[in-house]
Amino acid sequence: MQTSRFNSLACGLLALAIVAAPVAHAGDPTTRKMAEIILQMDAKPGDEAKATLEKIATNIGSTATEQTLAKIMLHVDGKIRPIDKPVAMKVMLDPAASPNERNIAKALLRYEGEANEKVQTVLNEVIR
């Protein structure tokens, strides 16, 4: 009887986690702010954007992936550095990263001096 209750509870929690996981990241203010920064960047982040990104990169409230993406964004100068491409690719393909984090990584990989149509399309998924 105890095992049956435990199994029912475990299945219920698992189902809730599966359903709630995408919703939990849908309105994430950190990734939304990162998307806005990319959309407004003119080849590289401005002083205000850099200050925001530095806060994200060092904030214990940010996820490790958000911190990593913020660090990549701090070094954008026309496009991301070659050394950062494999890191962004890893985030983009990481099933443990939130959909918004994966979209930020995808946008950074596509960014070339401005938020072109491909970048805007990806980032609109984060902002909405």
N, C-alpha and C. Protein backbone atom coordinates (compact mmCIF):
# COMPACT_ATOMS: atom_id res chain seq x y z
N MET A 1 0.82 -1.18 0.00
CA MET A 1 0.00 0.00 0.00
C MET A 1 0.87 1.25 0.00
N GLN A 2 1.90 1.29 0.85
CA GLN A 2 2.81 2.43 0.90
C GLN A 2 3.50 2.63 -0.45
N THR A 3 3.96 1.55 -1.04
CA THR A 3 4.65 1.63 -2.33
C THR A 3 3.72 2.18 -3.40
N SER A 4 2.47 1.77 -3.37
CA SER A 4 1.50 2.24 -4.35
C SER A 4 1.28 3.74 -4.22
N ARG A 5 1.17 4.24 -3.00
CA ARG A 5 1.01 5.69 -2.78
C ARG A 5 2.25 6.45 -3.24
N PHE A 6 3.39 5.90 -2.89
CA PHE A 6 4.65 6.54 -3.29
C PHE A 6 4.76 6.61 -4.81
N ASN A 7 4.45 5.52 -5.50
CA ASN A 7 4.50 5.50 -6.96
C ASN A 7 3.53 6.50 -7.56
N SER A 8 2.32 6.58 -6.99
CA SER A 8 1.34 7.55 -7.48
C SER A 8 1.84 8.97 -7.28
N LEU A 9 2.40 9.25 -6.13
CA LEU A 9 2.94 10.58 -5.84
C LEU A 9 4.10 10.89 -6.78
N ALA A 10 5.00 9.95 -6.96
CA ALA A 10 6.15 10.16 -7.83
C ALA A 10 5.71 10.42 -9.26
N CYS A 11 4.76 9.67 -9.76
CA CYS A 11 4.25 9.87 -11.12
C CYS A 11 3.59 11.24 -11.25
N GLY A 12 2.83 11.63 -10.22
CA GLY A 12 2.17 12.93 -10.25
C GLY A 12 3.18 14.07 -10.27
N LEU A 13 4.22 13.98 -9.46
CA LEU A 13 5.26 15.01 -9.44
C LEU A 13 6.03 15.06 -10.75
N LEU A 14 6.30 13.91 -11.32
CA LEU A 14 7.00 13.86 -12.60
C LEU A 14 6.16 14.52 -13.69
N ALA A 15 4.87 14.22 -13.73
CA ALA A 15 3.99 14.82 -14.73
C ALA A 15 3.92 16.33 -14.55
N LEU A 16 3.86 16.79 -13.31
CA LEU A 16 3.83 18.22 -13.04
C LEU A 16 5.13 18.89 -13.50
N ALA A 17 6.25 18.25 -13.25
CA ALA A 17 7.54 18.81 -13.66
C ALA A 17 7.64 18.91 -15.18
N ILE A 18 7.15 17.92 -15.87
CA ILE A 18 7.20 17.92 -17.33
C ILE A 18 6.33 19.03 -17.90
N VAL A 19 5.15 19.21 -17.34
CA VAL A 19 4.23 20.22 -17.83
C VAL A 19 4.70 21.62 -17.44
N ALA A 20 5.22 21.78 -16.24
CA ALA A 20 5.58 23.10 -15.73
C ALA A 20 6.94 23.59 -16.22
N ALA A 21 7.82 22.71 -16.63
CA ALA A 21 9.18 23.11 -17.00
C ALA A 21 9.21 24.19 -18.07
N PRO A 22 8.51 24.04 -19.20
CA PRO A 22 8.56 25.10 -20.19
C PRO A 22 7.92 26.39 -19.70
N VAL A 23 6.91 26.29 -18.88
CA VAL A 23 6.22 27.47 -18.38
C VAL A 23 7.11 28.24 -17.41
N ALA A 24 7.91 27.54 -16.65
CA ALA A 24 8.74 28.19 -15.65
C ALA A 24 9.72 29.17 -16.28
N HIS A 25 10.12 28.93 -17.51
CA HIS A 25 11.10 29.79 -18.17
C HIS A 25 10.46 30.79 -19.13
N ALA A 26 9.17 30.66 -19.36
CA ALA A 26 8.52 31.48 -20.37
C ALA A 26 8.66 32.97 -20.09
N GLY A 27 8.54 33.39 -18.83
CA GLY A 27 8.61 34.80 -18.52
C GLY A 27 9.88 35.20 -17.80
N ASP A 28 10.95 34.48 -18.01
CA ASP A 28 12.20 34.72 -17.30
C ASP A 28 12.75 36.11 -17.61
N PRO A 29 12.83 36.98 -16.61
CA PRO A 29 13.29 38.36 -16.86
C PRO A 29 14.76 38.46 -17.27
N THR A 30 15.59 37.53 -16.81
CA THR A 30 17.02 37.60 -17.15
C THR A 30 17.24 37.32 -18.62
N THR A 31 16.68 36.25 -19.14
CA THR A 31 16.87 35.95 -20.56
C THR A 31 16.15 36.98 -21.43
N ARG A 32 15.02 37.50 -20.95
CA ARG A 32 14.33 38.55 -21.70
C ARG A 32 15.23 39.79 -21.82
N LYS A 33 15.89 40.17 -20.72
CA LYS A 33 16.78 41.32 -20.75
C LYS A 33 17.96 41.06 -21.69
N MET A 34 18.49 39.85 -21.67
CA MET A 34 19.60 39.50 -22.56
C MET A 34 19.16 39.61 -24.02
N ALA A 35 17.95 39.15 -24.31
CA ALA A 35 17.43 39.24 -25.68
C ALA A 35 17.30 40.69 -26.10
N GLU A 36 16.78 41.53 -25.21
CA GLU A 36 16.65 42.96 -25.51
C GLU A 36 18.01 43.59 -25.79
N ILE A 37 19.01 43.20 -25.04
CA ILE A 37 20.37 43.74 -25.25
C ILE A 37 20.87 43.36 -26.63
N ILE A 38 20.70 42.11 -27.02
CA ILE A 38 21.16 41.67 -28.34
C ILE A 38 20.43 42.44 -29.44
N LEU A 39 19.13 42.61 -29.27
CA LEU A 39 18.35 43.33 -30.29
C LEU A 39 18.79 44.79 -30.43
N GLN A 40 19.26 45.38 -29.35
CA GLN A 40 19.66 46.79 -29.36
C GLN A 40 21.15 46.99 -29.64
N MET A 41 21.93 45.92 -29.63
CA MET A 41 23.37 46.04 -29.82
C MET A 41 23.71 46.58 -31.20
N ASP A 42 24.69 47.43 -31.24
CA ASP A 42 25.24 47.91 -32.50
C ASP A 42 26.67 47.38 -32.57
N ALA A 43 26.81 46.15 -33.00
CA ALA A 43 28.08 45.42 -33.11
C ALA A 43 28.60 44.91 -31.77
N LYS A 44 28.42 45.69 -30.71
CA LYS A 44 28.86 45.24 -29.38
C LYS A 44 28.00 45.93 -28.33
N PRO A 45 27.97 45.37 -27.12
CA PRO A 45 27.13 45.97 -26.09
C PRO A 45 27.67 47.34 -25.66
N GLY A 46 26.75 48.26 -25.41
CA GLY A 46 27.13 49.58 -24.91
C GLY A 46 27.45 49.51 -23.42
N ASP A 47 27.79 50.66 -22.85
CA ASP A 47 28.20 50.70 -21.44
C ASP A 47 27.10 50.22 -20.50
N GLU A 48 25.86 50.66 -20.73
CA GLU A 48 24.75 50.25 -19.86
C GLU A 48 24.50 48.75 -20.00
N ALA A 49 24.55 48.26 -21.22
CA ALA A 49 24.36 46.83 -21.46
C ALA A 49 25.47 46.02 -20.80
N LYS A 50 26.70 46.51 -20.89
CA LYS A 50 27.82 45.81 -20.25
C LYS A 50 27.63 45.73 -18.75
N ALA A 51 27.16 46.82 -18.15
CA ALA A 51 26.93 46.82 -16.70
C ALA A 51 25.87 45.78 -16.33
N THR A 52 24.81 45.70 -17.12
CA THR A 52 23.75 44.71 -16.88
C THR A 52 24.30 43.30 -17.05
N LEU A 53 25.06 43.08 -18.10
CA LEU A 53 25.63 41.75 -18.36
C LEU A 53 26.61 41.33 -17.27
N GLU A 54 27.39 42.28 -16.77
CA GLU A 54 28.31 41.96 -15.67
C GLU A 54 27.56 41.54 -14.42
N LYS A 55 26.42 42.20 -14.16
CA LYS A 55 25.59 41.82 -13.01
C LYS A 55 25.05 40.41 -13.20
N ILE A 56 24.57 40.11 -14.40
CA ILE A 56 24.05 38.76 -14.67
C ILE A 56 25.16 37.73 -14.52
N ALA A 57 26.34 38.05 -15.03
CA ALA A 57 27.47 37.10 -15.01
C ALA A 57 27.95 36.79 -13.60
N THR A 58 27.69 37.69 -12.66
CA THR A 58 28.19 37.48 -11.30
C THR A 58 27.08 37.27 -10.28
N ASN A 59 25.83 37.30 -10.70
CA ASN A 59 24.69 37.19 -9.80
C ASN A 59 24.45 35.73 -9.43
N ILE A 60 24.43 35.45 -8.15
CA ILE A 60 24.19 34.06 -7.74
C ILE A 60 22.76 33.64 -8.02
N GLY A 61 21.88 34.60 -8.29
CA GLY A 61 20.51 34.29 -8.66
C GLY A 61 20.35 33.89 -10.12
N SER A 62 21.38 34.15 -10.93
CA SER A 62 21.35 33.75 -12.34
C SER A 62 21.76 32.29 -12.44
N THR A 63 21.21 31.60 -13.43
CA THR A 63 21.64 30.21 -13.64
C THR A 63 23.07 30.22 -14.17
N ALA A 64 23.72 29.09 -14.07
CA ALA A 64 25.09 28.97 -14.59
C ALA A 64 25.10 29.23 -16.10
N THR A 65 24.05 28.80 -16.78
CA THR A 65 23.97 29.02 -18.23
C THR A 65 23.78 30.49 -18.54
N GLU A 66 22.93 31.19 -17.78
CA GLU A 66 22.76 32.63 -17.97
C GLU A 66 24.08 33.35 -17.75
N GLN A 67 24.81 32.94 -16.72
CA GLN A 67 26.12 33.56 -16.45
C GLN A 67 27.07 33.34 -17.62
N THR A 68 27.09 32.14 -18.15
CA THR A 68 27.95 31.81 -19.30
C THR A 68 27.58 32.66 -20.51
N LEU A 69 26.29 32.75 -20.80
CA LEU A 69 25.84 33.54 -21.95
C LEU A 69 26.17 35.02 -21.77
N ALA A 70 26.00 35.53 -20.56
CA ALA A 70 26.34 36.94 -20.29
C ALA A 70 27.82 37.19 -20.53
N LYS A 71 28.65 36.26 -20.12
CA LYS A 71 30.11 36.40 -20.33
C LYS A 71 30.43 36.40 -21.83
N ILE A 72 29.76 35.56 -22.59
CA ILE A 72 29.95 35.55 -24.04
C ILE A 72 29.54 36.89 -24.62
N MET A 73 28.38 37.39 -24.19
CA MET A 73 27.86 38.65 -24.71
C MET A 73 28.77 39.83 -24.40
N LEU A 74 29.45 39.80 -23.27
CA LEU A 74 30.36 40.88 -22.91
C LEU A 74 31.50 41.04 -23.92
N HIS A 75 31.83 39.97 -24.61
CA HIS A 75 32.96 39.99 -25.55
C HIS A 75 32.55 40.08 -27.01
N VAL A 76 31.26 40.26 -27.27
CA VAL A 76 30.81 40.39 -28.65
C VAL A 76 31.37 41.68 -29.23
N ASP A 77 31.95 41.56 -30.40
CA ASP A 77 32.43 42.72 -31.14
C ASP A 77 32.20 42.41 -32.62
N GLY A 78 30.99 42.67 -33.06
CA GLY A 78 30.59 42.32 -34.41
C GLY A 78 30.01 40.92 -34.48
N LYS A 79 30.62 40.00 -33.77
CA LYS A 79 30.13 38.63 -33.62
C LYS A 79 30.82 38.03 -32.40
N ILE A 80 30.38 36.84 -32.03
CA ILE A 80 31.02 36.25 -30.86
C ILE A 80 32.42 35.77 -31.21
N ARG A 81 33.26 35.71 -30.21
CA ARG A 81 34.64 35.28 -30.42
C ARG A 81 34.68 33.80 -30.82
N PRO A 82 35.64 33.42 -31.65
CA PRO A 82 35.77 32.00 -32.03
C PRO A 82 35.86 31.07 -30.83
N ILE A 83 36.51 31.52 -29.77
CA ILE A 83 36.65 30.68 -28.57
C ILE A 83 35.30 30.45 -27.88
N ASP A 84 34.34 31.36 -28.09
CA ASP A 84 33.03 31.24 -27.46
C ASP A 84 32.03 30.43 -28.28
N LYS A 85 32.33 30.21 -29.55
CA LYS A 85 31.38 29.48 -30.40
C LYS A 85 31.06 28.07 -29.89
N PRO A 86 32.06 27.27 -29.52
CA PRO A 86 31.71 25.92 -29.02
C PRO A 86 30.90 25.96 -27.73
N VAL A 87 31.13 26.98 -26.91
CA VAL A 87 30.38 27.11 -25.66
C VAL A 87 28.92 27.44 -25.97
N ALA A 88 28.71 28.39 -26.88
CA ALA A 88 27.34 28.75 -27.28
C ALA A 88 26.66 27.57 -27.95
N MET A 89 27.38 26.82 -28.76
CA MET A 89 26.81 25.65 -29.42
C MET A 89 26.40 24.60 -28.39
N LYS A 90 27.23 24.42 -27.38
CA LYS A 90 26.92 23.45 -26.33
C LYS A 90 25.63 23.85 -25.61
N VAL A 91 25.47 25.14 -25.31
CA VAL A 91 24.25 25.61 -24.66
C VAL A 91 23.05 25.39 -25.57
N MET A 92 23.20 25.73 -26.84
CA MET A 92 22.11 25.61 -27.80
C MET A 92 21.60 24.16 -27.90
N LEU A 93 22.49 23.21 -27.74
CA LEU A 93 22.13 21.80 -27.88
C LEU A 93 21.86 21.10 -26.55
N ASP A 94 22.01 21.82 -25.45
CA ASP A 94 21.88 21.22 -24.12
C ASP A 94 20.41 21.10 -23.72
N PRO A 95 19.89 19.88 -23.60
CA PRO A 95 18.49 19.72 -23.21
C PRO A 95 18.21 20.21 -21.79
N ALA A 96 19.25 20.35 -20.97
CA ALA A 96 19.06 20.84 -19.60
C ALA A 96 18.92 22.37 -19.56
N ALA A 97 19.36 23.05 -20.61
CA ALA A 97 19.20 24.50 -20.68
C ALA A 97 17.73 24.82 -20.98
N SER A 98 17.29 25.96 -20.49
CA SER A 98 15.90 26.35 -20.76
C SER A 98 15.76 26.71 -22.24
N PRO A 99 14.55 26.66 -22.76
CA PRO A 99 14.34 27.07 -24.16
C PRO A 99 14.85 28.49 -24.42
N ASN A 100 14.64 29.39 -23.47
CA ASN A 100 15.12 30.76 -23.64
C ASN A 100 16.64 30.82 -23.68
N GLU A 101 17.30 30.06 -22.84
CA GLU A 101 18.77 30.03 -22.85
C GLU A 101 19.27 29.48 -24.18
N ARG A 102 18.62 28.44 -24.67
CA ARG A 102 19.03 27.87 -25.96
C ARG A 102 18.81 28.89 -27.09
N ASN A 103 17.73 29.65 -27.01
CA ASN A 103 17.47 30.66 -28.04
C ASN A 103 18.48 31.82 -27.98
N ILE A 104 18.89 32.21 -26.78
CA ILE A 104 19.92 33.25 -26.66
C ILE A 104 21.21 32.75 -27.30
N ALA A 105 21.58 31.51 -27.03
CA ALA A 105 22.79 30.94 -27.63
C ALA A 105 22.68 30.90 -29.15
N LYS A 106 21.52 30.48 -29.65
CA LYS A 106 21.30 30.41 -31.10
C LYS A 106 21.43 31.81 -31.71
N ALA A 107 20.84 32.80 -31.06
CA ALA A 107 20.92 34.18 -31.56
C ALA A 107 22.36 34.67 -31.58
N LEU A 108 23.13 34.34 -30.55
CA LEU A 108 24.53 34.77 -30.52
C LEU A 108 25.34 34.13 -31.64
N LEU A 109 25.04 32.88 -31.92
CA LEU A 109 25.75 32.20 -33.01
C LEU A 109 25.40 32.80 -34.37
N ARG A 110 24.21 33.37 -34.50
CA ARG A 110 23.76 33.96 -35.77
C ARG A 110 24.06 35.46 -35.86
N TYR A 111 24.44 36.07 -34.76
CA TYR A 111 24.65 37.52 -34.72
C TYR A 111 25.88 37.91 -35.54
N GLU A 112 25.70 38.89 -36.40
CA GLU A 112 26.82 39.38 -37.21
C GLU A 112 26.75 40.90 -37.34
N GLY A 113 27.08 41.59 -36.27
CA GLY A 113 27.14 43.04 -36.29
C GLY A 113 25.82 43.73 -36.02
N GLU A 114 24.73 43.02 -36.22
CA GLU A 114 23.41 43.56 -35.93
C GLU A 114 22.43 42.40 -35.77
N ALA A 115 21.28 42.73 -35.22
CA ALA A 115 20.25 41.71 -35.03
C ALA A 115 19.49 41.55 -36.34
N ASN A 116 20.03 40.70 -37.22
CA ASN A 116 19.38 40.46 -38.51
C ASN A 116 18.05 39.74 -38.31
N GLU A 117 17.37 39.45 -39.39
CA GLU A 117 16.04 38.84 -39.32
C GLU A 117 16.06 37.50 -38.60
N LYS A 118 17.08 36.68 -38.84
CA LYS A 118 17.16 35.37 -38.18
C LYS A 118 17.31 35.54 -36.66
N VAL A 119 18.13 36.50 -36.26
CA VAL A 119 18.35 36.76 -34.84
C VAL A 119 17.06 37.29 -34.22
N GLN A 120 16.40 38.21 -34.89
CA GLN A 120 15.16 38.78 -34.37
C GLN A 120 14.09 37.72 -34.19
N THR A 121 13.98 36.83 -35.14
CA THR A 121 12.98 35.76 -35.06
C THR A 121 13.21 34.89 -33.84
N VAL A 122 14.45 34.51 -33.60
CA VAL A 122 14.79 33.67 -32.45
C VAL A 122 14.52 34.42 -31.14
N LEU A 123 14.92 35.69 -31.09
CA LEU A 123 14.78 36.46 -29.86
C LEU A 123 13.33 36.84 -29.56
N ASN A 124 12.51 36.93 -30.57
CA ASN A 124 11.10 37.20 -30.33
C ASN A 124 10.45 36.07 -29.53
N GLU A 125 10.98 34.85 -29.66
CA GLU A 125 10.50 33.72 -28.87
C GLU A 125 10.81 33.93 -27.38
N VAL A 126 11.91 34.60 -27.10
CA VAL A 126 12.33 34.84 -25.71
C VAL A 126 11.52 35.99 -25.10
N ILE A 127 11.28 37.02 -25.87
CA ILE A 127 10.66 38.23 -25.37
C ILE A 127 9.16 38.07 -25.15
N ARG A 128 8.52 37.28 -25.98
CA ARG A 128 7.04 37.19 -25.87
C ARG A 128 6.58 36.52 -24.62
